[in-house]
Amino acid sequence: MRENLREKDRLKDFLENHPYNLAYKFVDSVNLDLGIYFEPMRNYLDLAYVGTISIGTPPQEFKVIFDTGSSDLWVPSVYCSSPACANHNVFNPLRSSTFRISGRPIHLQYGSGTMSGFLAYDTVRFGGLVDVAQAFGLSLREPGKFMEYAVFDGILGLAYPSLSLRGTVPVFDNLWKQGLISQELFAFYLSKKDEEGSVVMFGGVDHSYYSGDLNWVPVSKRLYWQLSMDSISMNGEVIACDGGCQAIIDTGTSLLIGPSHVVFNIQMIIGANRSYSGEYVVDCDAANTLPDIVFTINGIDYPVPASAYIQEGPQGTCYSGFDESGDSLLVSDSWILGDVFLRLYFTVFDRENNRIGLALAV
């Protein structure tokens, strides 16, 4: 989406009108030996990871973000009047024999845009799993430019039920309640640069995707996948999160998001300058010379090298992997660890034990 907006010279306006905010709510393969269900995802320019699901009988296909930063599933509908819906796959209830309408109006707001529509129920399929009578949203309006330029049709949320629409059961909880998975967990492997190879797995962990042991961190608040972080440092000196802070592990966020004043200092340290479009541009050579930035979580260091936090765009310009949250984060000193971090570390989301597992991705 950033690339599309950048090419059309609309990125500056978009970033000014949509400061980053967490998602919040207003009221094909199976490893039978391991019992794991895999859904491959396509990596779009290291900016978004998109998988394919189907809804209805017979199935209607959609590209979705598997998003640990929200809890609801929604896709565009044939009744949607926004320009965004003209550019994406839309669901037609009349073509599904298993469709049930609730008629309840819903409104979802994300960091980059909103969706208004209505609630419905139908069969959802992905990665060899068949989730029946799943609650999901159908959009009537997707205002603004966010979805118009997005490479995905909708969003499948994987955060806690407490973040979902009142009275609905999120997809992952239904998988567990319907006895479709043997372990109450899922995990992500995000590829670096390669379009193929990324995967979200349900019901188990494939150890071939990481090296060493999984380091387990307790969830500090059961809403987002939130944990307590000790510090962020460079060259042994703390540069952020001094004395500890909260962090949210979010597969639906591309960058490392933190408090504005703190991130501004980090941009200065790495030599990033704000461009006309509102992004921070860095000298590409810095990716080979700047030191690691180390995120310490539960006493264990997770280094992020400059080659990871400095990203090269298609036109040869390099951008900082850090972005400012403004004043929108739920906790003033909280962070969002997005794909810049998750490409380096295989991540397990364990609902049974309310913990997150991290290990070096291979």
Protein backbone atom coordinates (compact mmCIF):
# COMPACT_ATOMS: atom_id res chain seq x y z
CA MET A 1 0.00 0.00 0.00
CA ARG A 2 2.87 2.38 0.86
CA GLU A 3 4.47 1.72 -2.50
CA ASN A 4 1.23 2.39 -4.38
CA LEU A 5 0.60 5.61 -2.47
CA ARG A 6 4.22 6.69 -2.87
CA GLU A 7 4.10 6.21 -6.64
CA LYS A 8 0.92 8.28 -6.86
CA ASP A 9 2.45 11.01 -4.64
CA ARG A 10 -0.33 10.54 -2.10
CA LEU A 11 1.64 9.05 0.78
CA LYS A 12 2.27 12.34 2.59
CA ASP A 13 -1.44 13.20 2.73
CA PHE A 14 -2.31 9.67 3.84
CA LEU A 15 0.21 9.61 6.70
CA GLU A 16 -0.93 13.02 7.92
CA ASN A 17 -4.59 12.01 7.92
CA HIS A 18 -4.07 8.56 9.45
CA PRO A 19 -1.63 8.66 12.38
CA TYR A 20 -0.83 5.15 13.57
CA ASN A 21 -3.25 3.60 16.02
CA LEU A 22 -3.84 0.08 17.27
CA ALA A 23 -6.88 -1.77 16.03
CA TYR A 24 -9.69 -1.12 18.44
CA LYS A 25 -13.39 -1.75 18.43
CA PHE A 26 -16.52 0.27 18.76
CA VAL A 27 -19.15 -1.64 20.67
CA ASP A 28 -3.74 -25.59 2.10
CA SER A 29 -1.63 -28.03 3.53
CA VAL A 30 -1.68 -30.26 6.58
CA ASN A 31 1.16 -32.12 8.31
CA LEU A 32 -0.80 -35.15 9.48
CA ASP A 33 2.15 -36.56 11.41
CA LEU A 34 2.45 -33.44 13.55
CA GLY A 35 -1.23 -32.45 13.50
CA ILE A 36 -0.32 -29.02 12.17
CA TYR A 37 -2.32 -27.06 9.61
CA PHE A 38 -0.32 -24.69 7.41
CA GLU A 39 -1.55 -21.65 5.50
CA PRO A 40 1.12 -20.16 3.19
CA MET A 41 1.35 -16.39 2.95
CA ARG A 42 2.70 -14.16 0.20
CA ASN A 43 5.24 -11.53 1.23
CA TYR A 44 4.49 -8.19 -0.46
CA LEU A 45 7.75 -6.18 -0.44
CA ASP A 46 8.33 -6.96 3.27
CA LEU A 47 5.33 -4.70 3.99
CA ALA A 48 2.47 -7.19 4.30
CA TYR A 49 1.99 -10.96 4.54
CA VAL A 50 -1.20 -12.19 2.90
CA GLY A 51 -2.85 -15.61 2.97
CA THR A 52 -5.90 -17.00 1.17
CA ILE A 53 -9.13 -18.07 2.82
CA SER A 54 -12.52 -19.00 1.41
CA ILE A 55 -15.96 -18.26 2.77
CA GLY A 56 -19.26 -19.90 1.87
CA THR A 57 -20.56 -22.92 -0.02
CA PRO A 58 -19.30 -23.17 -2.71
CA PRO A 59 -16.16 -21.33 -1.53
CA GLN A 60 -15.50 -17.67 -2.44
CA GLU A 61 -11.81 -16.76 -2.11
CA PHE A 62 -10.25 -13.76 -0.36
CA LYS A 63 -6.76 -12.52 0.41
CA VAL A 64 -6.45 -11.59 4.08
CA ILE A 65 -3.92 -10.39 6.61
CA PHE A 66 -3.60 -12.92 9.46
CA ASP A 67 -3.44 -10.21 12.10
CA THR A 68 -2.44 -10.75 15.75
CA GLY A 69 -3.30 -7.08 16.42
CA SER A 70 -7.08 -7.51 16.04
CA SER A 71 -9.67 -10.23 16.65
CA ASP A 72 -12.36 -10.00 13.97
CA LEU A 73 -12.72 -11.46 10.49
CA TRP A 74 -14.19 -9.32 7.72
CA VAL A 75 -14.19 -9.15 3.93
CA PRO A 76 -15.80 -6.80 1.37
CA SER A 77 -19.37 -7.48 0.26
CA VAL A 78 -21.17 -7.05 -3.05
CA TYR A 79 -23.24 -4.36 -1.32
CA CYS A 80 -20.19 -2.19 -0.60
CA SER A 81 -20.29 1.21 -2.30
CA SER A 82 -16.72 2.37 -1.62
CA PRO A 83 -14.10 2.58 -4.42
CA ALA A 84 -11.94 0.17 -2.38
CA CYS A 85 -14.45 -2.62 -2.90
CA ALA A 86 -14.31 -2.23 -6.67
CA ASN A 87 -10.62 -3.18 -6.51
CA HIS A 88 -11.03 -6.28 -4.37
CA ASN A 89 -12.84 -9.62 -4.21
CA VAL A 90 -16.33 -9.23 -2.74
CA PHE A 91 -18.55 -11.78 -1.00
CA ASN A 92 -21.98 -12.49 -2.46
CA PRO A 93 -24.30 -14.00 0.18
CA LEU A 94 -26.78 -15.14 -2.48
CA ARG A 95 -24.18 -17.59 -3.85
CA SER A 96 -23.65 -19.43 -0.55
CA SER A 97 -26.02 -22.13 0.67
CA THR A 98 -24.53 -22.01 4.19
CA PHE A 99 -24.82 -18.23 4.68
CA ARG A 100 -26.76 -16.84 7.65
CA ILE A 101 -27.32 -13.15 8.20
CA SER A 102 -27.40 -11.45 11.57
CA GLY A 103 -28.12 -7.98 10.22
CA ARG A 104 -26.34 -6.43 13.18
CA PRO A 105 -24.43 -3.32 12.09
CA ILE A 106 -20.72 -3.27 12.91
CA HIS A 107 -17.94 -0.71 12.74
CA LEU A 108 -14.24 -1.59 12.97
CA GLN A 109 -11.41 0.91 13.19
CA TYR A 110 -7.77 0.16 12.49
CA GLY A 111 -4.59 2.18 12.51
CA SER A 112 -4.93 2.89 8.81
CA GLY A 113 -8.66 2.97 8.13
CA THR A 114 -12.16 1.89 9.01
CA MET A 115 -14.80 -0.59 7.88
CA SER A 116 -18.57 -0.30 8.38
CA GLY A 117 -20.92 -3.13 7.54
CA PHE A 118 -22.97 -5.93 9.04
CA LEU A 119 -22.45 -9.23 10.83
CA ALA A 120 -23.06 -12.63 9.22
CA TYR A 121 -22.18 -16.32 9.64
CA ASP A 122 -20.79 -18.85 7.19
CA THR A 123 -18.22 -21.60 6.68
CA VAL A 124 -14.60 -20.41 6.55
CA ARG A 125 -11.82 -22.56 5.09
CA PHE A 126 -8.04 -22.15 5.11
CA GLY A 127 -4.98 -24.37 5.45
CA GLY A 128 -7.06 -27.56 5.40
CA LEU A 129 -9.31 -26.37 8.26
CA VAL A 130 -13.11 -26.03 7.92
CA ASP A 131 -14.61 -23.63 10.47
CA VAL A 132 -18.43 -23.79 10.35
CA ALA A 133 -20.89 -21.08 11.39
CA GLN A 134 -18.11 -18.53 11.80
CA ALA A 135 -19.11 -14.95 12.62
CA PHE A 136 -17.62 -12.45 10.18
CA GLY A 137 -18.15 -8.94 8.97
CA LEU A 138 -19.24 -7.87 5.49
CA SER A 139 -18.33 -4.34 4.53
CA LEU A 140 -20.78 -1.77 3.22
CA ARG A 141 -18.31 1.11 3.38
CA GLU A 142 -14.51 1.24 3.41
CA PRO A 143 -13.88 4.99 3.35
CA GLY A 144 -10.54 6.61 2.57
CA LYS A 145 -7.54 5.41 0.62
CA PHE A 146 -6.36 2.69 3.01
CA MET A 147 -8.21 -0.28 1.52
CA GLU A 148 -8.31 1.16 -1.98
CA TYR A 149 -4.57 0.55 -2.39
CA ALA A 150 -4.24 -2.47 -0.07
CA VAL A 151 -2.92 -5.74 -1.52
CA PHE A 152 -5.43 -7.71 0.58
CA ASP A 153 -9.23 -7.92 0.61
CA GLY A 154 -9.90 -8.24 4.34
CA ILE A 155 -8.46 -9.08 7.75
CA LEU A 156 -8.54 -12.23 9.90
CA GLY A 157 -7.84 -11.26 13.51
CA LEU A 158 -6.00 -13.60 15.89
CA ALA A 159 -5.83 -11.54 19.10
CA TYR A 160 -7.80 -12.37 22.25
CA PRO A 161 -11.64 -12.65 22.25
CA SER A 162 -11.80 -9.66 24.60
CA LEU A 163 -10.87 -7.50 21.58
CA SER A 164 -13.53 -8.95 19.30
CA LEU A 165 -17.01 -7.70 18.50
CA ARG A 166 -19.29 -8.23 21.49
CA GLY A 167 -21.08 -11.57 21.40
CA THR A 168 -18.96 -13.11 18.63
CA VAL A 169 -16.41 -15.93 18.76
CA PRO A 170 -13.17 -15.24 16.83
CA VAL A 171 -11.86 -17.67 14.23
CA PHE A 172 -9.11 -19.21 16.37
CA ASP A 173 -11.46 -19.80 19.30
CA ASN A 174 -13.92 -21.54 17.00
CA LEU A 175 -11.16 -23.80 15.64
CA TRP A 176 -10.46 -24.89 19.20
CA LYS A 177 -14.10 -25.20 20.28
CA GLN A 178 -14.95 -27.30 17.23
CA GLY A 179 -12.07 -29.69 18.03
CA LEU A 180 -10.27 -28.96 14.76
CA ILE A 181 -6.80 -28.48 16.29
CA SER A 182 -5.04 -30.59 18.91
CA GLN A 183 -3.08 -27.77 20.57
CA GLU A 184 -4.46 -24.35 21.43
CA LEU A 185 -1.76 -22.38 19.68
CA PHE A 186 -0.59 -20.98 16.36
CA ALA A 187 2.75 -19.73 15.04
CA PHE A 188 4.21 -17.44 12.36
CA TYR A 189 7.25 -17.67 10.12
CA LEU A 190 7.78 -14.55 8.00
CA SER A 191 10.20 -14.70 5.08
CA LYS A 192 12.76 -12.00 4.34
CA LYS A 193 12.37 -10.43 0.86
CA ASP A 194 11.28 -13.73 -0.70
CA GLU A 195 7.68 -13.66 -1.89
CA GLU A 196 7.21 -17.32 -1.01
CA GLY A 197 8.00 -19.29 2.15
CA SER A 198 6.02 -17.41 4.80
CA VAL A 199 3.52 -19.46 6.75
CA VAL A 200 1.07 -19.36 9.65
CA MET A 201 0.55 -22.74 11.32
CA PHE A 202 -2.28 -23.85 13.58
CA GLY A 203 -2.47 -26.62 16.19
CA GLY A 204 1.25 -27.25 16.57
CA VAL A 205 4.78 -26.02 15.98
CA ASP A 206 7.07 -27.15 13.16
CA HIS A 207 10.56 -26.98 14.70
CA SER A 208 12.26 -26.84 11.30
CA TYR A 209 11.39 -23.12 11.04
CA TYR A 210 13.66 -22.02 13.90
CA SER A 211 16.97 -22.82 15.57
CA GLY A 212 17.72 -23.23 19.27
CA ASP A 213 15.03 -23.27 21.93
CA LEU A 214 11.81 -21.33 22.17
CA ASN A 215 12.03 -18.68 24.88
CA TRP A 216 8.64 -18.31 26.55
CA VAL A 217 7.32 -14.95 27.72
CA PRO A 218 4.06 -14.59 29.69
CA VAL A 219 1.29 -12.48 28.18
CA SER A 220 0.97 -9.40 30.40
CA LYS A 221 -2.54 -8.43 29.29
CA ARG A 222 -5.02 -10.70 27.48
CA LEU A 223 -6.29 -8.31 24.87
CA TYR A 224 -3.56 -7.94 22.29
CA TRP A 225 -0.62 -10.34 22.39
CA GLN A 226 1.11 -8.09 24.90
CA LEU A 227 4.25 -8.70 26.94
CA SER A 228 6.61 -6.84 29.26
CA MET A 229 9.85 -5.67 27.65
CA ASP A 230 12.96 -4.87 29.70
CA SER A 231 14.74 -2.34 27.48
CA ILE A 232 15.88 -1.32 23.99
CA SER A 233 19.60 -0.69 23.66
CA MET A 234 22.41 0.01 21.20
CA ASN A 235 26.11 -0.60 21.93
CA GLY A 236 25.18 -1.56 25.48
CA GLU A 237 23.44 1.75 26.17
CA VAL A 238 19.68 1.93 26.74
CA ILE A 239 18.06 4.13 24.09
CA ALA A 240 14.39 3.37 24.81
CA CYS A 241 12.12 1.50 27.22
CA ASP A 242 14.38 2.47 30.12
CA GLY A 243 13.18 0.64 33.21
CA GLY A 244 10.77 -1.52 31.22
CA CYS A 245 7.69 -1.00 29.06
CA GLN A 246 4.90 -2.91 27.35
CA ALA A 247 5.14 -4.33 23.82
CA ILE A 248 2.55 -5.84 21.50
CA ILE A 249 3.51 -8.57 19.03
CA ASP A 250 1.60 -7.65 15.89
CA THR A 251 1.84 -9.48 12.56
CA GLY A 252 -0.44 -6.87 11.00
CA THR A 253 2.07 -4.04 11.52
CA SER A 254 4.98 -3.64 9.10
CA LEU A 255 7.33 -1.61 11.27
CA LEU A 256 8.62 -1.09 14.82
CA ILE A 257 6.22 1.44 16.38
CA GLY A 258 7.02 3.41 19.51
CA PRO A 259 6.34 6.66 21.37
CA SER A 260 6.98 9.69 19.16
CA HIS A 261 9.71 11.38 21.19
CA VAL A 262 11.59 8.11 21.71
CA VAL A 263 11.39 7.05 18.06
CA PHE A 264 12.48 10.54 16.97
CA ASN A 265 15.65 10.10 19.04
CA ILE A 266 16.28 6.71 17.47
CA GLN A 267 15.84 8.23 13.99
CA MET A 268 18.50 10.79 14.87
CA ILE A 269 20.86 8.10 16.18
CA ILE A 270 20.62 6.08 12.95
CA GLY A 271 20.87 9.19 10.75
CA ALA A 272 17.31 9.09 9.40
CA ASN A 273 15.75 12.24 7.97
CA ARG A 274 12.10 12.92 7.33
CA SER A 275 11.25 12.98 3.63
CA TYR A 276 8.61 14.97 1.79
CA SER A 277 6.28 11.95 2.05
CA GLY A 278 6.57 11.92 5.84
CA GLU A 279 8.71 8.79 6.02
CA TYR A 280 12.21 8.62 7.43
CA VAL A 281 14.90 8.07 4.79
CA VAL A 282 18.32 6.60 5.63
CA ASP A 283 21.56 6.33 3.68
CA CYS A 284 21.56 2.79 2.32
CA ASP A 285 25.23 2.31 3.26
CA ALA A 286 24.22 2.64 6.91
CA ALA A 287 22.73 -0.86 6.75
CA ASN A 288 26.32 -2.17 6.69
CA THR A 289 27.80 0.10 9.37
CA LEU A 290 25.22 0.81 12.09
CA PRO A 291 25.16 -1.50 15.16
CA ASP A 292 22.35 -3.84 16.20
CA ILE A 293 19.44 -2.46 18.17
CA VAL A 294 18.76 -4.96 20.97
CA PHE A 295 15.28 -5.63 22.34
CA THR A 296 15.60 -7.32 25.74
CA ILE A 297 12.53 -9.34 26.71
CA ASN A 298 12.24 -11.42 29.88
CA GLY A 299 16.03 -11.21 30.36
CA ILE A 300 16.91 -12.42 26.86
CA ASP A 301 18.40 -10.23 24.13
CA TYR A 302 16.81 -10.14 20.68
CA PRO A 303 19.17 -8.17 18.41
CA VAL A 304 17.78 -6.49 15.30
CA PRO A 305 20.64 -5.71 12.87
CA ALA A 306 20.77 -2.56 10.76
CA SER A 307 20.11 -4.69 7.67
CA ALA A 308 16.70 -5.43 9.21
CA TYR A 309 15.72 -2.00 10.59
CA ILE A 310 16.82 -0.23 7.40
CA GLN A 311 14.64 -1.29 4.47
CA GLU A 312 15.39 -0.72 0.80
CA GLY A 313 12.44 0.28 -1.36
CA PRO A 314 11.96 -0.71 -5.02
CA GLN A 315 13.44 2.59 -6.24
CA GLY A 316 16.70 2.10 -4.34
CA THR A 317 15.78 4.49 -1.53
CA CYS A 318 16.24 3.18 2.02
CA TYR A 319 13.75 3.79 4.82
CA SER A 320 13.87 3.48 8.58
CA GLY A 321 12.03 0.49 10.03
CA PHE A 322 10.90 2.63 12.99
CA ASP A 323 7.76 4.73 13.05
CA GLU A 324 6.07 6.99 15.58
CA SER A 325 2.82 6.13 17.29
CA GLY A 326 1.85 9.71 18.08
CA ASP A 327 -0.29 9.80 21.20
CA SER A 328 -2.49 6.92 20.11
CA LEU A 329 -1.00 3.93 21.92
CA LEU A 330 -3.02 2.56 24.81
CA VAL A 331 -0.02 2.89 27.14
CA SER A 332 2.16 5.96 26.67
CA ASP A 333 5.44 4.04 26.66
CA SER A 334 4.25 0.93 24.82
CA TRP A 335 5.71 -0.47 21.61
CA ILE A 336 4.44 -2.54 18.71
CA LEU A 337 6.90 -5.12 17.44
CA GLY A 338 5.83 -5.66 13.84
CA ASP A 339 7.23 -7.53 10.87
CA VAL A 340 10.69 -5.94 11.07
CA PHE A 341 11.13 -7.88 14.33
CA LEU A 342 9.07 -10.94 13.41
CA ARG A 343 11.07 -11.69 10.26
CA LEU A 344 14.02 -12.42 12.55
CA TYR A 345 12.18 -14.38 15.23
CA PHE A 346 9.81 -17.29 14.75
CA THR A 347 6.86 -16.62 17.06
CA VAL A 348 4.45 -18.98 18.81
CA PHE A 349 1.17 -17.66 20.23
CA ASP A 350 0.11 -20.10 22.98
CA ARG A 351 -3.45 -19.45 24.13
CA GLU A 352 -3.61 -22.45 26.47
CA ASN A 353 -0.77 -21.10 28.62
CA ASN A 354 -1.13 -17.40 27.74
CA ARG A 355 2.46 -17.04 26.62
CA ILE A 356 4.49 -16.12 23.57
CA GLY A 357 7.42 -18.19 22.34
CA LEU A 358 10.34 -16.58 20.47
CA ALA A 359 13.23 -18.27 18.69
CA LEU A 360 15.69 -17.34 15.96
CA ALA A 361 14.04 -17.94 12.57
CA VAL A 362 16.00 -19.98 10.04
